[in-house]
N, C-alpha and C. Protein backbone atom coordinates (compact mmCIF):
# COMPACT_ATOMS: atom_id res chain seq x y z
N MET A 1 0.85 -1.17 0.00
CA MET A 1 0.00 0.00 0.00
C MET A 1 0.90 1.23 0.00
N SER A 2 0.59 2.15 -0.86
CA SER A 2 1.37 3.38 -0.92
C SER A 2 1.01 4.28 0.27
N LEU A 3 1.89 5.22 0.54
CA LEU A 3 1.65 6.10 1.68
C LEU A 3 0.47 7.03 1.47
N SER A 4 0.26 7.46 0.25
CA SER A 4 -0.90 8.31 0.00
C SER A 4 -2.19 7.53 0.20
N ARG A 5 -2.19 6.26 -0.19
CA ARG A 5 -3.37 5.42 0.03
C ARG A 5 -3.57 5.17 1.53
N TYR A 6 -2.46 4.98 2.26
CA TYR A 6 -2.54 4.80 3.71
C TYR A 6 -3.20 6.02 4.36
N VAL A 7 -2.74 7.21 4.01
CA VAL A 7 -3.29 8.43 4.60
C VAL A 7 -4.76 8.57 4.23
N LEU A 8 -5.12 8.26 3.00
CA LEU A 8 -6.50 8.36 2.56
C LEU A 8 -7.39 7.37 3.31
N VAL A 9 -6.97 6.12 3.41
CA VAL A 9 -7.76 5.10 4.09
C VAL A 9 -7.87 5.41 5.59
N MET A 10 -6.76 5.79 6.21
CA MET A 10 -6.80 6.12 7.64
C MET A 10 -7.65 7.36 7.90
N SER A 11 -7.60 8.33 7.02
CA SER A 11 -8.44 9.52 7.19
C SER A 11 -9.92 9.17 7.08
N PHE A 12 -10.26 8.34 6.11
CA PHE A 12 -11.65 7.91 5.96
C PHE A 12 -12.11 7.09 7.17
N ALA A 13 -11.26 6.16 7.63
CA ALA A 13 -11.61 5.35 8.79
C ALA A 13 -11.75 6.21 10.04
N THR A 14 -10.93 7.25 10.14
CA THR A 14 -11.02 8.16 11.29
C THR A 14 -12.33 8.94 11.25
N LEU A 15 -12.72 9.39 10.08
CA LEU A 15 -14.00 10.09 9.96
C LEU A 15 -15.17 9.18 10.31
N VAL A 16 -15.10 7.92 9.90
CA VAL A 16 -16.14 6.95 10.26
C VAL A 16 -16.16 6.74 11.77
N ALA A 17 -14.97 6.65 12.38
CA ALA A 17 -14.88 6.46 13.83
C ALA A 17 -15.44 7.67 14.58
N TRP A 18 -15.14 8.88 14.11
CA TRP A 18 -15.71 10.07 14.75
C TRP A 18 -17.22 10.10 14.57
N GLY A 19 -17.70 9.68 13.40
CA GLY A 19 -19.14 9.59 13.20
C GLY A 19 -19.79 8.59 14.15
N ALA A 20 -19.14 7.45 14.34
CA ALA A 20 -19.65 6.45 15.28
C ALA A 20 -19.62 6.99 16.71
N PHE A 21 -18.57 7.71 17.05
CA PHE A 21 -18.49 8.30 18.38
C PHE A 21 -19.62 9.30 18.61
N LEU A 22 -19.86 10.16 17.64
CA LEU A 22 -20.95 11.14 17.79
C LEU A 22 -22.30 10.45 17.84
N LEU A 23 -22.46 9.40 17.06
CA LEU A 23 -23.71 8.63 17.10
C LEU A 23 -23.93 8.03 18.47
N VAL A 24 -22.91 7.44 19.04
CA VAL A 24 -23.02 6.87 20.38
C VAL A 24 -23.22 7.97 21.42
N LEU A 25 -22.51 9.06 21.28
CA LEU A 25 -22.59 10.15 22.24
C LEU A 25 -24.00 10.73 22.34
N PHE A 26 -24.64 10.92 21.19
CA PHE A 26 -25.95 11.56 21.19
C PHE A 26 -27.12 10.59 21.29
N ASN A 27 -26.91 9.30 21.05
CA ASN A 27 -28.04 8.36 21.02
C ASN A 27 -28.02 7.30 22.10
N VAL A 28 -26.93 7.14 22.83
CA VAL A 28 -26.87 6.11 23.86
C VAL A 28 -26.77 6.78 25.22
N ASP A 29 -27.72 6.46 26.08
CA ASP A 29 -27.69 6.97 27.45
C ASP A 29 -26.76 6.08 28.27
N PRO A 30 -25.71 6.64 28.87
CA PRO A 30 -24.75 5.79 29.58
C PRO A 30 -25.34 5.09 30.79
N TYR A 31 -26.41 5.65 31.38
CA TYR A 31 -27.01 5.02 32.55
C TYR A 31 -27.95 3.90 32.15
N ASP A 32 -28.71 4.10 31.07
CA ASP A 32 -29.62 3.04 30.61
C ASP A 32 -28.90 2.03 29.73
N GLY A 33 -27.84 2.43 29.09
CA GLY A 33 -27.11 1.54 28.18
C GLY A 33 -26.30 0.49 28.91
N GLY A 34 -25.96 0.75 30.15
CA GLY A 34 -25.19 -0.20 30.95
C GLY A 34 -23.79 -0.40 30.42
N VAL A 35 -23.32 -1.62 30.55
CA VAL A 35 -21.95 -1.95 30.16
C VAL A 35 -21.77 -1.83 28.65
N ILE A 36 -22.77 -2.22 27.89
CA ILE A 36 -22.66 -2.15 26.43
C ILE A 36 -22.58 -0.70 25.96
N GLY A 37 -23.36 0.18 26.54
CA GLY A 37 -23.31 1.59 26.18
C GLY A 37 -21.96 2.21 26.47
N ARG A 38 -21.42 1.88 27.64
CA ARG A 38 -20.10 2.41 27.99
C ARG A 38 -19.02 1.82 27.09
N ALA A 39 -19.14 0.54 26.79
CA ALA A 39 -18.15 -0.11 25.91
C ALA A 39 -18.19 0.50 24.51
N LEU A 40 -19.37 0.76 24.00
CA LEU A 40 -19.48 1.41 22.68
C LEU A 40 -18.87 2.81 22.71
N PHE A 41 -19.14 3.54 23.78
CA PHE A 41 -18.59 4.88 23.92
C PHE A 41 -17.07 4.85 23.93
N LEU A 42 -16.50 4.00 24.78
CA LEU A 42 -15.05 3.95 24.92
C LEU A 42 -14.37 3.39 23.67
N THR A 43 -14.98 2.39 23.05
CA THR A 43 -14.40 1.81 21.84
C THR A 43 -14.40 2.80 20.69
N SER A 44 -15.52 3.48 20.49
CA SER A 44 -15.57 4.45 19.40
C SER A 44 -14.64 5.63 19.67
N LEU A 45 -14.54 6.05 20.92
CA LEU A 45 -13.59 7.12 21.26
C LEU A 45 -12.16 6.67 21.03
N PHE A 46 -11.84 5.43 21.41
CA PHE A 46 -10.48 4.93 21.20
C PHE A 46 -10.11 4.95 19.72
N PHE A 47 -10.98 4.42 18.87
CA PHE A 47 -10.65 4.38 17.44
C PHE A 47 -10.60 5.77 16.82
N ALA A 48 -11.47 6.68 17.28
CA ALA A 48 -11.43 8.04 16.76
C ALA A 48 -10.14 8.75 17.16
N LEU A 49 -9.76 8.62 18.43
CA LEU A 49 -8.49 9.22 18.88
C LEU A 49 -7.30 8.58 18.19
N PHE A 50 -7.32 7.26 18.09
CA PHE A 50 -6.22 6.54 17.49
C PHE A 50 -6.01 6.96 16.03
N GLY A 51 -7.08 7.02 15.27
CA GLY A 51 -6.97 7.43 13.87
C GLY A 51 -6.51 8.86 13.72
N THR A 52 -7.08 9.75 14.52
CA THR A 52 -6.71 11.16 14.44
C THR A 52 -5.24 11.37 14.79
N LEU A 53 -4.81 10.78 15.90
CA LEU A 53 -3.43 10.96 16.32
C LEU A 53 -2.45 10.28 15.38
N SER A 54 -2.86 9.16 14.81
CA SER A 54 -1.98 8.45 13.88
C SER A 54 -1.76 9.26 12.60
N VAL A 55 -2.83 9.75 12.02
CA VAL A 55 -2.70 10.54 10.78
C VAL A 55 -1.99 11.87 11.06
N ALA A 56 -2.38 12.55 12.13
CA ALA A 56 -1.73 13.83 12.46
C ALA A 56 -0.26 13.64 12.79
N GLY A 57 0.06 12.57 13.52
CA GLY A 57 1.46 12.30 13.85
C GLY A 57 2.29 12.00 12.62
N PHE A 58 1.72 11.21 11.70
CA PHE A 58 2.45 10.91 10.46
C PHE A 58 2.68 12.17 9.64
N LEU A 59 1.63 12.97 9.46
CA LEU A 59 1.77 14.18 8.64
C LEU A 59 2.75 15.16 9.26
N ALA A 60 2.73 15.31 10.58
CA ALA A 60 3.66 16.22 11.24
C ALA A 60 5.10 15.71 11.12
N ARG A 61 5.30 14.41 11.30
CA ARG A 61 6.64 13.85 11.18
C ARG A 61 7.15 13.95 9.74
N ALA A 62 6.29 13.66 8.78
CA ALA A 62 6.71 13.71 7.38
C ALA A 62 7.09 15.13 6.97
N ARG A 63 6.43 16.11 7.56
CA ARG A 63 6.73 17.49 7.19
C ARG A 63 8.01 18.00 7.83
N TRP A 64 8.21 17.70 9.11
CA TRP A 64 9.32 18.32 9.83
C TRP A 64 10.56 17.46 9.97
N ARG A 65 10.46 16.17 9.74
CA ARG A 65 11.64 15.32 9.90
C ARG A 65 12.01 14.73 8.55
N LYS A 66 12.77 15.46 7.82
CA LYS A 66 13.21 15.03 6.49
C LYS A 66 14.40 14.10 6.61
N GLY A 67 14.62 13.30 5.59
CA GLY A 67 15.79 12.44 5.55
C GLY A 67 15.57 11.06 6.17
N ILE A 68 14.40 10.83 6.74
CA ILE A 68 14.07 9.52 7.32
C ILE A 68 13.02 8.89 6.42
N PRO A 69 13.15 7.60 6.13
CA PRO A 69 12.13 6.97 5.27
C PRO A 69 10.72 7.13 5.85
N LEU A 70 9.77 7.39 4.97
CA LEU A 70 8.42 7.70 5.41
C LEU A 70 7.75 6.55 6.15
N TYR A 71 8.12 5.30 5.83
CA TYR A 71 7.47 4.19 6.52
C TYR A 71 7.86 4.16 8.00
N TRP A 72 9.04 4.71 8.35
CA TRP A 72 9.40 4.81 9.76
C TRP A 72 8.49 5.80 10.48
N HIS A 73 8.11 6.86 9.77
CA HIS A 73 7.18 7.82 10.35
C HIS A 73 5.83 7.16 10.62
N VAL A 74 5.39 6.30 9.69
CA VAL A 74 4.11 5.61 9.86
C VAL A 74 4.18 4.71 11.09
N LEU A 75 5.26 3.94 11.22
CA LEU A 75 5.39 3.03 12.36
C LEU A 75 5.43 3.77 13.69
N ASN A 76 6.21 4.84 13.75
CA ASN A 76 6.32 5.60 14.99
C ASN A 76 5.01 6.30 15.34
N ALA A 77 4.38 6.93 14.37
CA ALA A 77 3.12 7.63 14.63
C ALA A 77 2.03 6.64 15.04
N PHE A 78 1.99 5.48 14.41
CA PHE A 78 1.02 4.44 14.73
C PHE A 78 1.19 3.97 16.17
N ARG A 79 2.43 3.68 16.55
CA ARG A 79 2.72 3.19 17.89
C ARG A 79 2.40 4.25 18.95
N GLN A 80 2.81 5.48 18.72
CA GLN A 80 2.57 6.52 19.70
C GLN A 80 1.10 6.89 19.81
N ALA A 81 0.37 6.84 18.70
CA ALA A 81 -1.07 7.09 18.74
C ALA A 81 -1.76 6.00 19.54
N LEU A 82 -1.31 4.76 19.38
CA LEU A 82 -1.88 3.65 20.14
C LEU A 82 -1.66 3.85 21.64
N LEU A 83 -0.46 4.22 22.02
CA LEU A 83 -0.15 4.43 23.44
C LEU A 83 -0.96 5.58 24.04
N VAL A 84 -1.02 6.69 23.35
CA VAL A 84 -1.76 7.85 23.87
C VAL A 84 -3.25 7.54 23.95
N SER A 85 -3.80 6.86 22.96
CA SER A 85 -5.21 6.51 22.98
C SER A 85 -5.52 5.55 24.12
N LEU A 86 -4.63 4.59 24.35
CA LEU A 86 -4.83 3.65 25.45
C LEU A 86 -4.78 4.36 26.80
N VAL A 87 -3.87 5.31 26.96
CA VAL A 87 -3.79 6.05 28.22
C VAL A 87 -5.06 6.87 28.43
N CYS A 88 -5.56 7.50 27.38
CA CYS A 88 -6.78 8.30 27.50
C CYS A 88 -7.99 7.43 27.88
N VAL A 89 -8.15 6.32 27.21
CA VAL A 89 -9.29 5.45 27.48
C VAL A 89 -9.15 4.80 28.86
N ALA A 90 -7.94 4.40 29.22
CA ALA A 90 -7.73 3.83 30.56
C ALA A 90 -8.04 4.86 31.64
N SER A 91 -7.70 6.11 31.40
CA SER A 91 -8.02 7.17 32.36
C SER A 91 -9.53 7.33 32.49
N LEU A 92 -10.25 7.26 31.39
CA LEU A 92 -11.71 7.37 31.45
C LEU A 92 -12.34 6.17 32.17
N ILE A 93 -11.77 4.99 31.96
CA ILE A 93 -12.28 3.81 32.66
C ILE A 93 -12.06 3.95 34.16
N LEU A 94 -10.88 4.40 34.55
CA LEU A 94 -10.61 4.62 35.97
C LEU A 94 -11.51 5.70 36.55
N GLN A 95 -11.76 6.76 35.78
CA GLN A 95 -12.63 7.82 36.26
C GLN A 95 -14.06 7.33 36.42
N ALA A 96 -14.50 6.47 35.53
CA ALA A 96 -15.87 5.94 35.64
C ALA A 96 -16.02 5.11 36.92
N GLY A 97 -14.94 4.45 37.34
CA GLY A 97 -14.98 3.68 38.57
C GLY A 97 -14.57 4.49 39.79
N ARG A 98 -14.42 5.79 39.64
CA ARG A 98 -13.98 6.69 40.70
C ARG A 98 -12.65 6.25 41.31
N LEU A 99 -11.75 5.77 40.44
CA LEU A 99 -10.44 5.32 40.87
C LEU A 99 -9.30 6.17 40.32
N LEU A 100 -9.62 7.20 39.58
CA LEU A 100 -8.59 8.02 38.95
C LEU A 100 -8.01 9.00 39.98
N THR A 101 -6.74 8.82 40.28
CA THR A 101 -6.02 9.73 41.17
C THR A 101 -4.75 10.16 40.46
N TRP A 102 -4.04 11.09 41.06
CA TRP A 102 -2.83 11.60 40.43
C TRP A 102 -1.78 10.51 40.29
N TRP A 103 -1.71 9.61 41.24
CA TRP A 103 -0.69 8.56 41.15
C TRP A 103 -1.07 7.49 40.13
N ASN A 104 -2.38 7.28 39.90
CA ASN A 104 -2.79 6.36 38.82
C ASN A 104 -2.41 6.94 37.46
N ILE A 105 -2.60 8.24 37.30
CA ILE A 105 -2.20 8.89 36.05
C ILE A 105 -0.69 8.79 35.88
N LEU A 106 0.03 8.99 36.98
CA LEU A 106 1.49 8.88 36.94
C LEU A 106 1.93 7.48 36.53
N VAL A 107 1.27 6.45 37.07
CA VAL A 107 1.60 5.07 36.72
C VAL A 107 1.29 4.80 35.24
N LEU A 108 0.14 5.28 34.76
CA LEU A 108 -0.20 5.10 33.34
C LEU A 108 0.82 5.78 32.43
N LEU A 109 1.16 7.01 32.76
CA LEU A 109 2.15 7.73 31.94
C LEU A 109 3.52 7.10 32.02
N LEU A 110 3.91 6.62 33.18
CA LEU A 110 5.20 5.95 33.33
C LEU A 110 5.24 4.65 32.52
N ALA A 111 4.15 3.89 32.57
CA ALA A 111 4.08 2.64 31.80
C ALA A 111 4.17 2.93 30.30
N ALA A 112 3.44 3.93 29.84
CA ALA A 112 3.48 4.28 28.42
C ALA A 112 4.87 4.79 28.03
N THR A 113 5.49 5.57 28.88
CA THR A 113 6.84 6.08 28.60
C THR A 113 7.86 4.95 28.54
N LEU A 114 7.79 4.03 29.50
CA LEU A 114 8.72 2.90 29.50
C LEU A 114 8.52 2.01 28.28
N LEU A 115 7.28 1.81 27.88
CA LEU A 115 7.01 1.02 26.69
C LEU A 115 7.56 1.72 25.44
N GLU A 116 7.41 3.02 25.37
CA GLU A 116 7.95 3.77 24.24
C GLU A 116 9.47 3.72 24.23
N ILE A 117 10.08 3.84 25.38
CA ILE A 117 11.54 3.74 25.46
C ILE A 117 12.01 2.36 25.02
N PHE A 118 11.27 1.33 25.41
CA PHE A 118 11.62 -0.02 24.98
C PHE A 118 11.61 -0.13 23.47
N PHE A 119 10.57 0.39 22.83
CA PHE A 119 10.48 0.29 21.37
C PHE A 119 11.53 1.16 20.67
N ILE A 120 11.88 2.27 21.27
CA ILE A 120 12.89 3.14 20.67
C ILE A 120 14.28 2.50 20.74
N THR A 121 14.59 1.86 21.86
CA THR A 121 15.94 1.36 22.07
C THR A 121 16.18 -0.07 21.59
N ARG A 122 15.16 -0.80 21.25
CA ARG A 122 15.40 -2.19 20.85
C ARG A 122 16.05 -2.22 19.47
N GLN A 123 16.88 -3.19 19.29
CA GLN A 123 17.58 -3.36 18.02
C GLN A 123 16.80 -4.32 17.14
N PRO A 124 16.63 -3.99 15.87
CA PRO A 124 15.95 -4.94 14.98
C PRO A 124 16.80 -6.18 14.75
N LYS A 125 16.15 -7.32 14.62
CA LYS A 125 16.87 -8.55 14.37
C LYS A 125 17.45 -8.54 12.96
N ARG A 126 18.66 -9.00 12.85
CA ARG A 126 19.30 -9.07 11.54
C ARG A 126 18.94 -10.38 10.86
N GLN A 127 18.62 -10.29 9.62
CA GLN A 127 18.28 -11.47 8.84
C GLN A 127 19.56 -12.08 8.29
N HIS A 128 19.73 -13.39 8.49
CA HIS A 128 20.89 -14.09 7.92
C HIS A 128 20.53 -14.56 6.53
N ILE A 129 21.41 -14.25 5.61
CA ILE A 129 21.14 -14.61 4.21
C ILE A 129 21.88 -15.88 3.89
C-alpha cells in the first residue's frame, strides 16, 4: 500500500470512527445503556483518537523530519497514537470507577513512557542470508 493510500484510508476510517463516536454520544444513554453503552462509547472514542493521532502524527513527522524513510514515520506515529489513545481510554475507565487519582495517572504515563523507550531502544533482528 502506498503512503498516499494509507493516509486516505486512515483519514476515511477516522471520519467513520468520529461519526460512530458522535452517534453513540448523542443516542446512547450511559445510565440506561449499561456496560454495552459504555463499551461502545469507549471503543468508538479509542478508534477516533487513534486514527486522528496516527494521521496527524504521520503528517507532522513527514513534514518536519526530512531524511528519514516515510514508513518509519508511519510506524512511529502508529505506535505513539496507540499508546496515547490507550492512556486516555484507561483514564476514562478509571474515572468511571472513581479510581482516577494523580498517582494512577502517573503510573499510566510511566508505563506508556517505558514502553515507548523499549520500542525506541530495541535493536531490529538481523536477517541471515
